[in-house]
């Protein structure tokens, strides 16, 4: 049997969300797809940075634009694979009858103001048709499954839910993680801080984070800074203006995109991780924070409760005062903080890339 895998999103240099998912899934599929002939399709300028079994072959495909719909379609037409696995929601026009696609979320439907008109039209076309064309649709959360069924009419028996995995760094020790953090100086912040990691965009509610931070500073006089780590996204200009008019603008630190190593360091140093997003298909940053022994404040929307479990303090994303109060509880109440960190450490154990890949492999080989 010949199996094709779309690896075009997995091997970009600065991976975020879906790209990281694609990378980890493909990496962890290797031991489960070790008998069939596997073709890993990547762009001509991408490099696969891990070893592949002998039965796997890399196919570098060149095309300037519309790589998936034109170049990958052509390759499948000529190569005649029996099955295709698409980890990043875009099924090509030409595809085998047995195609498995992963749908990560319908953010553009629920947060339309965070996307341009053309982006919304394109995403709706791509994902709706992917759900229609695929023989099996994998959703990364029960919430995404419900959204796909409700908005696009995808049959329930066609959908499987497979949670994302997590395989981050281990902390120095659980006791060290709960009772203390790395020095603030090592993280180049110079003061205790509240942390957000993710794309700096409207959908992530970054302006709401700034509002909550101002409330904490104004009401309780804490010495903390707010650190925002991530590359700019849609609506960044308005977010930047909001920072500039803040009374506490000198306490807001923008780090831009951070590497995995840098992210691990700033997570370990943080006092609280704040993630009051408006919508997520999954919510991997929550697990990253919990794995680093950092208590989490997040929003009770979309897939977040599935991922964070009982190991976070929740708030309505529009309720900046409750977000602020939750932050202060974790800053000021050592017992509450330690309890939330312990819960987080246990919660992360529910998610494994190996388990995720095993379940996907079984579907691909069906």
Foldseek 3Di string as FASTA:
>chain_A
DEEEEELALQFDDFDDDLNVLSVLLVVLLQVLPQPAQYEYEYAQPGDNDDDHHPSYDYDHWYDDPPCQQPVVLVCCVVVVGQEYEYSRQAHYPHGHQAYEYEDQALLCVQPVVQDDPVVSVVVCVRNLVSLVRHQAYEAQFVLRLVVCCVPNVRDPVRYDYFHAFDDADAEPDLVCLLPHFPDPVVLVLPFAAEEEEDAATVQQLLLLVVLLVLCLCVVPVDPYAYEYEEAYGRPVVVVVVSLVPDPVSVRYHYDYHDDSVSVLRVLRRHLAYEGAGPETSADVVLLSNLSSLHQYEYEPDRHVCVQCPPLHHYDHSVPSNSSNVRVVCSVPPSVVSSVSSVSSNVSNVVGHSNVSSNVVSVSRVD
